[in-house]
Amino acid sequence: MGTVQGVFLPCISQILGIIFFLRLPTITAQAGTIGSTLIIFASVLSTLVTSLSLSAIATNGTIQAGGPYYIISRTLGVEIGGSLGVLFYLGTTLGSSMYVLGAVEAFNTNLSDYGA
């Protein structure tokens, strides 16, 4: 799939998800337009560096069951793979809970406009 379609676009879709669009007015109000642009640019730059690093690691072999954890644990070793696996699990768990809360907030805001 390549670096852009396989790694960079899925990471950017996580950044530009429901949380980003629900919190953008608050971020802009607090940091200003220039500050918000810098925050978004830093996020995209971080995602680009992460996707390039993961692409460099992934080119060492085929990806089997386990996905990113399998790649990291086989390339960087069991110790680093285990600690990054725990962080990957926590990030995925907290990210999914944030997306659920964001969706509920969007539904609540839109349904209250219609008297529901």
PDB file of N, CA and C in Angstrom:
ATOM      1  N   MET A   1       0.815  -1.197   0.000  1.00  0.00           N
ATOM      2  CA  MET A   1       0.000   0.000   0.000  1.00  0.00           C
ATOM      3  C   MET A   1       0.853   1.253   0.000  1.00  0.00           C
ATOM      4  N   GLY A   2       2.028   1.204   0.499  1.00  0.00           N
ATOM      5  CA  GLY A   2       2.903   2.350   0.469  1.00  0.00           C
ATOM      6  C   GLY A   2       2.808   3.194   1.738  1.00  0.00           C
ATOM      7  N   THR A   3       3.694   4.152   1.806  1.00  0.00           N
ATOM      8  CA  THR A   3       3.766   5.003   2.993  1.00  0.00           C
ATOM      9  C   THR A   3       2.545   5.895   3.125  1.00  0.00           C
ATOM     10  N   VAL A   4       2.136   6.505   2.036  1.00  0.00           N
ATOM     11  CA  VAL A   4       1.051   7.488   2.118  1.00  0.00           C
ATOM     12  C   VAL A   4      -0.282   6.801   2.390  1.00  0.00           C
ATOM     13  N   GLN A   5      -0.630   5.805   1.592  1.00  0.00           N
ATOM     14  CA  GLN A   5      -1.938   5.170   1.756  1.00  0.00           C
ATOM     15  C   GLN A   5      -1.993   4.218   2.939  1.00  0.00           C
ATOM     16  N   GLY A   6      -0.903   3.587   3.271  1.00  0.00           N
ATOM     17  CA  GLY A   6      -0.924   2.593   4.324  1.00  0.00           C
ATOM     18  C   GLY A   6      -0.716   3.132   5.723  1.00  0.00           C
ATOM     19  N   VAL A   7       0.032   4.233   5.845  1.00  0.00           N
ATOM     20  CA  VAL A   7       0.367   4.735   7.173  1.00  0.00           C
ATOM     21  C   VAL A   7      -0.076   6.181   7.366  1.00  0.00           C
ATOM     22  N   PHE A   8       0.323   7.071   6.453  1.00  0.00           N
ATOM     23  CA  PHE A   8       0.092   8.495   6.664  1.00  0.00           C
ATOM     24  C   PHE A   8      -1.394   8.858   6.652  1.00  0.00           C
ATOM     25  N   LEU A   9      -2.145   8.388   5.681  1.00  0.00           N
ATOM     26  CA  LEU A   9      -3.569   8.733   5.605  1.00  0.00           C
ATOM     27  C   LEU A   9      -4.390   8.179   6.771  1.00  0.00           C
ATOM     28  N   PRO A  10      -4.153   6.947   7.230  1.00  0.00           N
ATOM     29  CA  PRO A  10      -4.885   6.515   8.433  1.00  0.00           C
ATOM     30  C   PRO A  10      -4.551   7.350   9.674  1.00  0.00           C
ATOM     31  N   CYS A  11      -3.290   7.750   9.815  1.00  0.00           N
ATOM     32  CA  CYS A  11      -2.926   8.594  10.967  1.00  0.00           C
ATOM     33  C   CYS A  11      -3.568   9.976  10.863  1.00  0.00           C
ATOM     34  N   ILE A  12      -3.577  10.551   9.678  1.00  0.00           N
ATOM     35  CA  ILE A  12      -4.202  11.861   9.491  1.00  0.00           C
ATOM     36  C   ILE A  12      -5.706  11.771   9.727  1.00  0.00           C
ATOM     37  N   SER A  13      -6.321  10.668   9.325  1.00  0.00           N
ATOM     38  CA  SER A  13      -7.761  10.526   9.571  1.00  0.00           C
ATOM     39  C   SER A  13      -8.059  10.456  11.062  1.00  0.00           C
ATOM     40  N   GLN A  14      -7.115   9.933  11.849  1.00  0.00           N
ATOM     41  CA  GLN A  14      -7.294   9.949  13.299  1.00  0.00           C
ATOM     42  C   GLN A  14      -7.192  11.370  13.845  1.00  0.00           C
ATOM     43  N   ILE A  15      -6.276  12.161  13.311  1.00  0.00           N
ATOM     44  CA  ILE A  15      -6.134  13.550  13.761  1.00  0.00           C
ATOM     45  C   ILE A  15      -7.356  14.361  13.355  1.00  0.00           C
ATOM     46  N   LEU A  16      -7.819  14.178  12.132  1.00  0.00           N
ATOM     47  CA  LEU A  16      -8.916  14.978  11.612  1.00  0.00           C
ATOM     48  C   LEU A  16     -10.270  14.322  11.866  1.00  0.00           C
ATOM     49  N   GLY A  17     -10.387  13.593  12.937  1.00  0.00           N
ATOM     50  CA  GLY A  17     -11.617  12.899  13.279  1.00  0.00           C
ATOM     51  C   GLY A  17     -12.591  13.796  14.007  1.00  0.00           C
ATOM     52  N   ILE A  18     -13.515  13.169  14.682  1.00  0.00           N
ATOM     53  CA  ILE A  18     -14.605  13.881  15.342  1.00  0.00           C
ATOM     54  C   ILE A  18     -14.114  14.788  16.466  1.00  0.00           C
ATOM     55  N   ILE A  19     -13.065  14.382  17.162  1.00  0.00           N
ATOM     56  CA  ILE A  19     -12.551  15.190  18.267  1.00  0.00           C
ATOM     57  C   ILE A  19     -11.988  16.506  17.739  1.00  0.00           C
ATOM     58  N   PHE A  20     -11.277  16.431  16.618  1.00  0.00           N
ATOM     59  CA  PHE A  20     -10.694  17.631  16.028  1.00  0.00           C
ATOM     60  C   PHE A  20     -11.778  18.644  15.664  1.00  0.00           C
ATOM     61  N   PHE A  21     -12.846  18.188  15.042  1.00  0.00           N
ATOM     62  CA  PHE A  21     -13.876  19.114  14.594  1.00  0.00           C
ATOM     63  C   PHE A  21     -14.749  19.616  15.738  1.00  0.00           C
ATOM     64  N   LEU A  22     -14.890  18.824  16.801  1.00  0.00           N
ATOM     65  CA  LEU A  22     -15.649  19.310  17.946  1.00  0.00           C
ATOM     66  C   LEU A  22     -14.853  20.308  18.773  1.00  0.00           C
ATOM     67  N   ARG A  23     -13.547  20.154  18.820  1.00  0.00           N
ATOM     68  CA  ARG A  23     -12.713  20.997  19.673  1.00  0.00           C
ATOM     69  C   ARG A  23     -12.040  22.153  18.939  1.00  0.00           C
ATOM     70  N   LEU A  24     -12.136  22.193  17.616  1.00  0.00           N
ATOM     71  CA  LEU A  24     -11.462  23.251  16.864  1.00  0.00           C
ATOM     72  C   LEU A  24     -11.913  24.654  17.262  1.00  0.00           C
ATOM     73  N   PRO A  25     -13.214  24.934  17.459  1.00  0.00           N
ATOM     74  CA  PRO A  25     -13.587  26.291  17.895  1.00  0.00           C
ATOM     75  C   PRO A  25     -13.002  26.661  19.258  1.00  0.00           C
ATOM     76  N   THR A  26     -12.932  25.709  20.170  1.00  0.00           N
ATOM     77  CA  THR A  26     -12.357  25.983  21.479  1.00  0.00           C
ATOM     78  C   THR A  26     -10.860  26.230  21.378  1.00  0.00           C
ATOM     79  N   ILE A  27     -10.178  25.426  20.569  1.00  0.00           N
ATOM     80  CA  ILE A  27      -8.738  25.614  20.384  1.00  0.00           C
ATOM     81  C   ILE A  27      -8.461  26.957  19.732  1.00  0.00           C
ATOM     82  N   THR A  28      -9.252  27.325  18.731  1.00  0.00           N
ATOM     83  CA  THR A  28      -9.065  28.603  18.062  1.00  0.00           C
ATOM     84  C   THR A  28      -9.339  29.767  19.011  1.00  0.00           C
ATOM     85  N   ALA A  29     -10.339  29.624  19.870  1.00  0.00           N
ATOM     86  CA  ALA A  29     -10.638  30.688  20.827  1.00  0.00           C
ATOM     87  C   ALA A  29      -9.515  30.853  21.843  1.00  0.00           C
ATOM     88  N   GLN A  30      -8.897  29.757  22.248  1.00  0.00           N
ATOM     89  CA  GLN A  30      -7.842  29.830  23.252  1.00  0.00           C
ATOM     90  C   GLN A  30      -6.492  30.224  22.656  1.00  0.00           C
ATOM     91  N   ALA A  31      -6.131  29.639  21.512  1.00  0.00           N
ATOM     92  CA  ALA A  31      -4.792  29.837  20.960  1.00  0.00           C
ATOM     93  C   ALA A  31      -4.752  30.869  19.833  1.00  0.00           C
ATOM     94  N   GLY A  32      -5.895  31.232  19.284  1.00  0.00           N
ATOM     95  CA  GLY A  32      -5.909  32.143  18.153  1.00  0.00           C
ATOM     96  C   GLY A  32      -5.733  31.387  16.848  1.00  0.00           C
ATOM     97  N   THR A  33      -5.882  32.111  15.753  1.00  0.00           N
ATOM     98  CA  THR A  33      -5.792  31.484  14.433  1.00  0.00           C
ATOM     99  C   THR A  33      -4.383  30.987  14.144  1.00  0.00           C
ATOM    100  N   ILE A  34      -3.398  31.806  14.443  1.00  0.00           N
ATOM    101  CA  ILE A  34      -2.013  31.415  14.166  1.00  0.00           C
ATOM    102  C   ILE A  34      -1.603  30.259  15.071  1.00  0.00           C
ATOM    103  N   GLY A  35      -1.963  30.336  16.337  1.00  0.00           N
ATOM    104  CA  GLY A  35      -1.649  29.247  17.260  1.00  0.00           C
ATOM    105  C   GLY A  35      -2.311  27.945  16.864  1.00  0.00           C
ATOM    106  N   SER A  36      -3.571  28.016  16.421  1.00  0.00           N
ATOM    107  CA  SER A  36      -4.278  26.807  15.983  1.00  0.00           C
ATOM    108  C   SER A  36      -3.626  26.207  14.751  1.00  0.00           C
ATOM    109  N   THR A  37      -3.213  27.067  13.837  1.00  0.00           N
ATOM    110  CA  THR A  37      -2.523  26.587  12.638  1.00  0.00           C
ATOM    111  C   THR A  37      -1.208  25.918  13.003  1.00  0.00           C
ATOM    112  N   LEU A  38      -0.485  26.484  13.959  1.00  0.00           N
ATOM    113  CA  LEU A  38       0.769  25.873  14.399  1.00  0.00           C
ATOM    114  C   LEU A  38       0.535  24.529  15.089  1.00  0.00           C
ATOM    115  N   ILE A  39      -0.534  24.425  15.866  1.00  0.00           N
ATOM    116  CA  ILE A  39      -0.862  23.156  16.520  1.00  0.00           C
ATOM    117  C   ILE A  39      -1.179  22.090  15.485  1.00  0.00           C
ATOM    118  N   ILE A  40      -1.970  22.447  14.477  1.00  0.00           N
ATOM    119  CA  ILE A  40      -2.312  21.494  13.421  1.00  0.00           C
ATOM    120  C   ILE A  40      -1.062  21.101  12.633  1.00  0.00           C
ATOM    121  N   PHE A  41      -0.210  22.076  12.329  1.00  0.00           N
ATOM    122  CA  PHE A  41       1.028  21.786  11.601  1.00  0.00           C
ATOM    123  C   PHE A  41       1.933  20.859  12.411  1.00  0.00           C
ATOM    124  N   ALA A  42       2.035  21.076  13.710  1.00  0.00           N
ATOM    125  CA  ALA A  42       2.853  20.202  14.561  1.00  0.00           C
ATOM    126  C   ALA A  42       2.285  18.790  14.592  1.00  0.00           C
ATOM    127  N   SER A  43       0.962  18.664  14.610  1.00  0.00           N
ATOM    128  CA  SER A  43       0.334  17.337  14.597  1.00  0.00           C
ATOM    129  C   SER A  43       0.611  16.610  13.289  1.00  0.00           C
ATOM    130  N   VAL A  44       0.495  17.323  12.182  1.00  0.00           N
ATOM    131  CA  VAL A  44       0.754  16.708  10.876  1.00  0.00           C
ATOM    132  C   VAL A  44       2.228  16.326  10.746  1.00  0.00           C
ATOM    133  N   LEU A  45       3.120  17.192  11.237  1.00  0.00           N
ATOM    134  CA  LEU A  45       4.548  16.887  11.180  1.00  0.00           C
ATOM    135  C   LEU A  45       4.885  15.664  12.031  1.00  0.00           C
ATOM    136  N   SER A  46       4.296  15.586  13.207  1.00  0.00           N
ATOM    137  CA  SER A  46       4.499  14.416  14.071  1.00  0.00           C
ATOM    138  C   SER A  46       3.982  13.150  13.408  1.00  0.00           C
ATOM    139  N   THR A  47       2.832  13.242  12.770  1.00  0.00           N
ATOM    140  CA  THR A  47       2.272  12.085  12.069  1.00  0.00           C
ATOM    141  C   THR A  47       3.148  11.678  10.892  1.00  0.00           C
ATOM    142  N   LEU A  48       3.690  12.649  10.182  1.00  0.00           N
ATOM    143  CA  LEU A  48       4.563  12.346   9.045  1.00  0.00           C
ATOM    144  C   LEU A  48       5.824  11.628   9.507  1.00  0.00           C
ATOM    145  N   VAL A  49       6.443  12.112  10.570  1.00  0.00           N
ATOM    146  CA  VAL A  49       7.654  11.472  11.082  1.00  0.00           C
ATOM    147  C   VAL A  49       7.345  10.058  11.586  1.00  0.00           C
ATOM    148  N   THR A  50       6.207   9.902  12.276  1.00  0.00           N
ATOM    149  CA  THR A  50       5.814   8.584  12.761  1.00  0.00           C
ATOM    150  C   THR A  50       5.554   7.626  11.610  1.00  0.00           C
ATOM    151  N   SER A  51       4.866   8.099  10.574  1.00  0.00           N
ATOM    152  CA  SER A  51       4.567   7.221   9.445  1.00  0.00           C
ATOM    153  C   SER A  51       5.834   6.835   8.685  1.00  0.00           C
ATOM    154  N   LEU A  52       6.780   7.753   8.558  1.00  0.00           N
ATOM    155  CA  LEU A  52       8.037   7.407   7.901  1.00  0.00           C
ATOM    156  C   LEU A  52       8.835   6.401   8.728  1.00  0.00           C
ATOM    157  N   SER A  53       8.820   6.556  10.058  1.00  0.00           N
ATOM    158  CA  SER A  53       9.517   5.606  10.919  1.00  0.00           C
ATOM    159  C   SER A  53       8.882   4.231  10.844  1.00  0.00           C
ATOM    160  N   LEU A  54       7.556   4.172  10.888  1.00  0.00           N
ATOM    161  CA  LEU A  54       6.868   2.892  10.810  1.00  0.00           C
ATOM    162  C   LEU A  54       7.070   2.251   9.444  1.00  0.00           C
ATOM    163  N   SER A  55       7.124   3.060   8.401  1.00  0.00           N
ATOM    164  CA  SER A  55       7.370   2.513   7.068  1.00  0.00           C
ATOM    165  C   SER A  55       8.770   1.926   6.967  1.00  0.00           C
ATOM    166  N   ALA A  56       9.750   2.580   7.602  1.00  0.00           N
ATOM    167  CA  ALA A  56      11.118   2.047   7.593  1.00  0.00           C
ATOM    168  C   ALA A  56      11.186   0.727   8.343  1.00  0.00           C
ATOM    169  N   ILE A  57      10.446   0.628   9.452  1.00  0.00           N
ATOM    170  CA  ILE A  57      10.433  -0.616  10.217  1.00  0.00           C
ATOM    171  C   ILE A  57       9.684  -1.706   9.454  1.00  0.00           C
ATOM    172  N   ALA A  58       8.595  -1.338   8.796  1.00  0.00           N
ATOM    173  CA  ALA A  58       7.742  -2.326   8.123  1.00  0.00           C
ATOM    174  C   ALA A  58       8.398  -2.918   6.880  1.00  0.00           C
ATOM    175  N   THR A  59       9.377  -2.243   6.308  1.00  0.00           N
ATOM    176  CA  THR A  59      10.011  -2.773   5.105  1.00  0.00           C
ATOM    177  C   THR A  59      10.969  -3.909   5.411  1.00  0.00           C
ATOM    178  N   ASN A  60      11.179  -4.221   6.703  1.00  0.00           N
ATOM    179  CA  ASN A  60      12.082  -5.311   7.059  1.00  0.00           C
ATOM    180  C   ASN A  60      11.471  -6.683   6.873  1.00  0.00           C
ATOM    181  N   GLY A  61      10.194  -6.792   6.649  1.00  0.00           N
ATOM    182  CA  GLY A  61       9.572  -8.102   6.466  1.00  0.00           C
ATOM    183  C   GLY A  61       8.080  -7.958   6.232  1.00  0.00           C
ATOM    184  N   THR A  62       7.411  -9.098   6.174  1.00  0.00           N
ATOM    185  CA  THR A  62       5.972  -9.079   5.959  1.00  0.00           C
ATOM    186  C   THR A  62       5.245  -8.877   7.281  1.00  0.00           C
ATOM    187  N   ILE A  63       4.098  -8.236   7.207  1.00  0.00           N
ATOM    188  CA  ILE A  63       3.285  -8.001   8.394  1.00  0.00           C
ATOM    189  C   ILE A  63       2.377  -9.205   8.581  1.00  0.00           C
ATOM    190  N   GLN A  64       2.459  -9.809   9.753  1.00  0.00           N
ATOM    191  CA  GLN A  64       1.619 -10.951  10.056  1.00  0.00           C
ATOM    192  C   GLN A  64       0.573 -10.536  11.077  1.00  0.00           C
ATOM    193  N   ALA A  65      -0.091 -11.513  11.665  1.00  0.00           N
ATOM    194  CA  ALA A  65      -1.123 -11.221  12.663  1.00  0.00           C
ATOM    195  C   ALA A  65      -0.506 -10.450  13.826  1.00  0.00           C
ATOM    196  N   GLY A  66      -1.179  -9.426  14.256  1.00  0.00           N
ATOM    197  CA  GLY A  66      -0.682  -8.581  15.337  1.00  0.00           C
ATOM    198  C   GLY A  66      -0.448  -7.158  14.891  1.00  0.00           C
ATOM    199  N   GLY A  67      -0.344  -6.926  13.600  1.00  0.00           N
ATOM    200  CA  GLY A  67      -0.224  -5.590  13.047  1.00  0.00           C
ATOM    201  C   GLY A  67       0.991  -4.821  13.547  1.00  0.00           C
ATOM    202  N   PRO A  68       0.766  -3.585  14.007  1.00  0.00           N
ATOM    203  CA  PRO A  68       1.892  -2.741  14.430  1.00  0.00           C
ATOM    204  C   PRO A  68       2.701  -3.349  15.579  1.00  0.00           C
ATOM    205  N   TYR A  69       2.022  -4.004  16.507  1.00  0.00           N
ATOM    206  CA  TYR A  69       2.747  -4.613  17.624  1.00  0.00           C
ATOM    207  C   TYR A  69       3.705  -5.689  17.125  1.00  0.00           C
ATOM    208  N   TYR A  70       3.274  -6.496  16.185  1.00  0.00           N
ATOM    209  CA  TYR A  70       4.130  -7.546  15.640  1.00  0.00           C
ATOM    210  C   TYR A  70       5.370  -6.938  14.989  1.00  0.00           C
ATOM    211  N   ILE A  71       5.177  -5.884  14.217  1.00  0.00           N
ATOM    212  CA  ILE A  71       6.303  -5.247  13.533  1.00  0.00           C
ATOM    213  C   ILE A  71       7.305  -4.705  14.542  1.00  0.00           C
ATOM    214  N   ILE A  72       6.798  -3.973  15.532  1.00  0.00           N
ATOM    215  CA  ILE A  72       7.684  -3.326  16.498  1.00  0.00           C
ATOM    216  C   ILE A  72       8.408  -4.362  17.356  1.00  0.00           C
ATOM    217  N   SER A  73       7.689  -5.381  17.823  1.00  0.00           N
ATOM    218  CA  SER A  73       8.325  -6.359  18.706  1.00  0.00           C
ATOM    219  C   SER A  73       9.364  -7.194  17.964  1.00  0.00           C
ATOM    220  N   ARG A  74       9.147  -7.501  16.692  1.00  0.00           N
ATOM    221  CA  ARG A  74      10.116  -8.302  15.941  1.00  0.00           C
ATOM    222  C   ARG A  74      11.305  -7.462  15.491  1.00  0.00           C
ATOM    223  N   THR A  75      11.109  -6.193  15.241  1.00  0.00           N
ATOM    224  CA  THR A  75      12.196  -5.358  14.748  1.00  0.00           C
ATOM    225  C   THR A  75      13.027  -4.776  15.878  1.00  0.00           C
ATOM    226  N   LEU A  76      12.379  -4.246  16.910  1.00  0.00           N
ATOM    227  CA  LEU A  76      13.095  -3.548  17.974  1.00  0.00           C
ATOM    228  C   LEU A  76      13.364  -4.403  19.199  1.00  0.00           C
ATOM    229  N   GLY A  77      12.813  -5.593  19.257  1.00  0.00           N
ATOM    230  CA  GLY A  77      13.058  -6.466  20.390  1.00  0.00           C
ATOM    231  C   GLY A  77      11.830  -6.602  21.269  1.00  0.00           C
ATOM    232  N   VAL A  78      11.863  -7.631  22.102  1.00  0.00           N
ATOM    233  CA  VAL A  78      10.701  -7.949  22.940  1.00  0.00           C
ATOM    234  C   VAL A  78      10.486  -6.885  24.017  1.00  0.00           C
ATOM    235  N   GLU A  79      11.562  -6.369  24.609  1.00  0.00           N
ATOM    236  CA  GLU A  79      11.422  -5.395  25.697  1.00  0.00           C
ATOM    237  C   GLU A  79      10.756  -4.108  25.207  1.00  0.00           C
ATOM    238  N   ILE A  80      11.281  -3.555  24.134  1.00  0.00           N
ATOM    239  CA  ILE A  80      10.702  -2.318  23.588  1.00  0.00           C
ATOM    240  C   ILE A  80       9.336  -2.608  22.991  1.00  0.00           C
ATOM    241  N   GLY A  81       9.193  -3.753  22.347  1.00  0.00           N
ATOM    242  CA  GLY A  81       7.904  -4.122  21.763  1.00  0.00           C
ATOM    243  C   GLY A  81       6.829  -4.274  22.815  1.00  0.00           C
ATOM    244  N   GLY A  82       7.185  -4.847  23.964  1.00  0.00           N
ATOM    245  CA  GLY A  82       6.205  -5.004  25.048  1.00  0.00           C
ATOM    246  C   GLY A  82       5.758  -3.679  25.622  1.00  0.00           C
ATOM    247  N   SER A  83       6.715  -2.783  25.868  1.00  0.00           N
ATOM    248  CA  SER A  83       6.341  -1.477  26.426  1.00  0.00           C
ATOM    249  C   SER A  83       5.560  -0.651  25.413  1.00  0.00           C
ATOM    250  N   LEU A  84       5.940  -0.712  24.155  1.00  0.00           N
ATOM    251  CA  LEU A  84       5.179   0.010  23.131  1.00  0.00           C
ATOM    252  C   LEU A  84       3.824  -0.635  22.884  1.00  0.00           C
ATOM    253  N   GLY A  85       3.730  -1.941  23.074  1.00  0.00           N
ATOM    254  CA  GLY A  85       2.442  -2.622  22.949  1.00  0.00           C
ATOM    255  C   GLY A  85       1.459  -2.156  24.005  1.00  0.00           C
ATOM    256  N   VAL A  86       1.951  -1.983  25.240  1.00  0.00           N
ATOM    257  CA  VAL A  86       1.085  -1.462  26.307  1.00  0.00           C
ATOM    258  C   VAL A  86       0.635  -0.047  25.976  1.00  0.00           C
ATOM    259  N   LEU A  87       1.559   0.795  25.504  1.00  0.00           N
ATOM    260  CA  LEU A  87       1.193   2.163  25.120  1.00  0.00           C
ATOM    261  C   LEU A  87       0.230   2.177  23.938  1.00  0.00           C
ATOM    262  N   PHE A  88       0.435   1.270  22.981  1.00  0.00           N
ATOM    263  CA  PHE A  88      -0.464   1.170  21.840  1.00  0.00           C
ATOM    264  C   PHE A  88      -1.871   0.779  22.290  1.00  0.00           C
ATOM    265  N   TYR A  89      -1.946  -0.165  23.223  1.00  0.00           N
ATOM    266  CA  TYR A  89      -3.238  -0.589  23.761  1.00  0.00           C
ATOM    267  C   TYR A  89      -3.935   0.555  24.491  1.00  0.00           C
ATOM    268  N   LEU A  90      -3.192   1.256  25.347  1.00  0.00           N
ATOM    269  CA  LEU A  90      -3.785   2.375  26.089  1.00  0.00           C
ATOM    270  C   LEU A  90      -4.230   3.494  25.148  1.00  0.00           C
ATOM    271  N   GLY A  91      -3.410   3.786  24.146  1.00  0.00           N
ATOM    272  CA  GLY A  91      -3.780   4.827  23.189  1.00  0.00           C
ATOM    273  C   GLY A  91      -5.025   4.468  22.399  1.00  0.00           C
ATOM    274  N   THR A  92      -5.122   3.221  21.976  1.00  0.00           N
ATOM    275  CA  THR A  92      -6.298   2.777  21.235  1.00  0.00           C
ATOM    276  C   THR A  92      -7.541   2.797  22.113  1.00  0.00           C
ATOM    277  N   THR A  93      -7.396   2.344  23.351  1.00  0.00           N
ATOM    278  CA  THR A  93      -8.535   2.316  24.270  1.00  0.00           C
ATOM    279  C   THR A  93      -9.017   3.719  24.600  1.00  0.00           C
ATOM    280  N   LEU A  94      -8.091   4.600  24.954  1.00  0.00           N
ATOM    281  CA  LEU A  94      -8.481   5.972  25.283  1.00  0.00           C
ATOM    282  C   LEU A  94      -8.996   6.707  24.050  1.00  0.00           C
ATOM    283  N   GLY A  95      -8.401   6.439  22.886  1.00  0.00           N
ATOM    284  CA  GLY A  95      -8.880   7.070  21.663  1.00  0.00           C
ATOM    285  C   GLY A  95     -10.302   6.666  21.318  1.00  0.00           C
ATOM    286  N   SER A  96     -10.605   5.383  21.471  1.00  0.00           N
ATOM    287  CA  SER A  96     -11.969   4.940  21.163  1.00  0.00           C
ATOM    288  C   SER A  96     -12.974   5.515  22.154  1.00  0.00           C
ATOM    289  N   SER A  97     -12.597   5.627  23.413  1.00  0.00           N
ATOM    290  CA  SER A  97     -13.521   6.230  24.383  1.00  0.00           C
ATOM    291  C   SER A  97     -13.725   7.711  24.084  1.00  0.00           C
ATOM    292  N   MET A  98     -12.680   8.398  23.635  1.00  0.00           N
ATOM    293  CA  MET A  98     -12.836   9.809  23.263  1.00  0.00           C
ATOM    294  C   MET A  98     -13.745   9.959  22.048  1.00  0.00           C
ATOM    295  N   TYR A  99     -13.653   9.045  21.101  1.00  0.00           N
ATOM    296  CA  TYR A  99     -14.525   9.110  19.931  1.00  0.00           C
ATOM    297  C   TYR A  99     -15.983   8.842  20.308  1.00  0.00           C
ATOM    298  N   VAL A 100     -16.206   7.932  21.237  1.00  0.00           N
ATOM    299  CA  VAL A 100     -17.576   7.682  21.698  1.00  0.00           C
ATOM    300  C   VAL A 100     -18.125   8.912  22.400  1.00  0.00           C
ATOM    301  N   LEU A 101     -17.326   9.515  23.269  1.00  0.00           N
ATOM    302  CA  LEU A 101     -17.769  10.734  23.954  1.00  0.00           C
ATOM    303  C   LEU A 101     -18.006  11.878  22.971  1.00  0.00           C
ATOM    304  N   GLY A 102     -17.164  11.989  21.961  1.00  0.00           N
ATOM    305  CA  GLY A 102     -17.359  13.018  20.948  1.00  0.00           C
ATOM    306  C   GLY A 102     -18.632  12.810  20.150  1.00  0.00           C
ATOM    307  N   ALA A 103     -18.918  11.556  19.805  1.00  0.00           N
ATOM    308  CA  ALA A 103     -20.153  11.267  19.072  1.00  0.00           C
ATOM    309  C   ALA A 103     -21.379  11.545  19.929  1.00  0.00           C
ATOM    310  N   VAL A 104     -21.329  11.185  21.210  1.00  0.00           N
ATOM    311  CA  VAL A 104     -22.456  11.455  22.104  1.00  0.00           C
ATOM    312  C   VAL A 104     -22.662  12.950  22.264  1.00  0.00           C
ATOM    313  N   GLU A 105     -21.559  13.696  22.371  1.00  0.00           N
ATOM    314  CA  GLU A 105     -21.686  15.151  22.485  1.00  0.00           C
ATOM    315  C   GLU A 105     -22.298  15.756  21.225  1.00  0.00           C
ATOM    316  N   ALA A 106     -21.891  15.261  20.060  1.00  0.00           N
ATOM    317  CA  ALA A 106     -22.465  15.761  18.806  1.00  0.00           C
ATOM    318  C   ALA A 106     -23.948  15.438  18.712  1.00  0.00           C
ATOM    319  N   PHE A 107     -24.331  14.213  19.071  1.00  0.00           N
ATOM    320  CA  PHE A 107     -25.749  13.848  19.070  1.00  0.00           C
ATOM    321  C   PHE A 107     -26.538  14.683  20.067  1.00  0.00           C
ATOM    322  N   ASN A 108     -25.983  14.870  21.252  1.00  0.00           N
ATOM    323  CA  ASN A 108     -26.670  15.632  22.285  1.00  0.00           C
ATOM    324  C   ASN A 108     -26.881  17.088  21.849  1.00  0.00           C
ATOM    325  N   THR A 109     -25.857  17.683  21.253  1.00  0.00           N
ATOM    326  CA  THR A 109     -25.968  19.069  20.792  1.00  0.00           C
ATOM    327  C   THR A 109     -27.006  19.186  19.682  1.00  0.00           C
ATOM    328  N   ASN A 110     -26.975  18.269  18.730  1.00  0.00           N
ATOM    329  CA  ASN A 110     -27.890  18.364  17.597  1.00  0.00           C
ATOM    330  C   ASN A 110     -29.321  17.992  17.980  1.00  0.00           C
ATOM    331  N   LEU A 111     -29.487  17.029  18.872  1.00  0.00           N
ATOM    332  CA  LEU A 111     -30.836  16.638  19.265  1.00  0.00           C
ATOM    333  C   LEU A 111     -31.485  17.674  20.169  1.00  0.00           C
ATOM    334  N   SER A 112     -30.697  18.416  20.952  1.00  0.00           N
ATOM    335  CA  SER A 112     -31.273  19.443  21.813  1.00  0.00           C
ATOM    336  C   SER A 112     -31.804  20.613  20.981  1.00  0.00           C
ATOM    337  N   ASP A 113     -31.273  20.796  19.782  1.00  0.00           N
ATOM    338  CA  ASP A 113     -31.783  21.844  18.914  1.00  0.00           C
ATOM    339  C   ASP A 113     -33.199  21.542  18.425  1.00  0.00           C
ATOM    340  N   TYR A 114     -33.563  20.266  18.380  1.00  0.00           N
ATOM    341  CA  TYR A 114     -34.870  19.868  17.884  1.00  0.00           C
ATOM    342  C   TYR A 114     -35.837  19.507  19.012  1.00  0.00           C
ATOM    343  N   GLY A 115     -35.470  19.810  20.246  1.00  0.00           N
ATOM    344  CA  GLY A 115     -36.365  19.592  21.376  1.00  0.00           C
ATOM    345  C   GLY A 115     -36.427  18.166  21.852  1.00  0.00           C
ATOM    346  N   ALA A 116     -35.467  17.344  21.475  1.00  0.00           N
ATOM    347  CA  ALA A 116     -35.470  15.930  21.919  1.00  0.00           C
ATOM    348  C   ALA A 116     -34.760  15.768  23.222  1.00  0.00           C
TER     349      ALA A 116
END
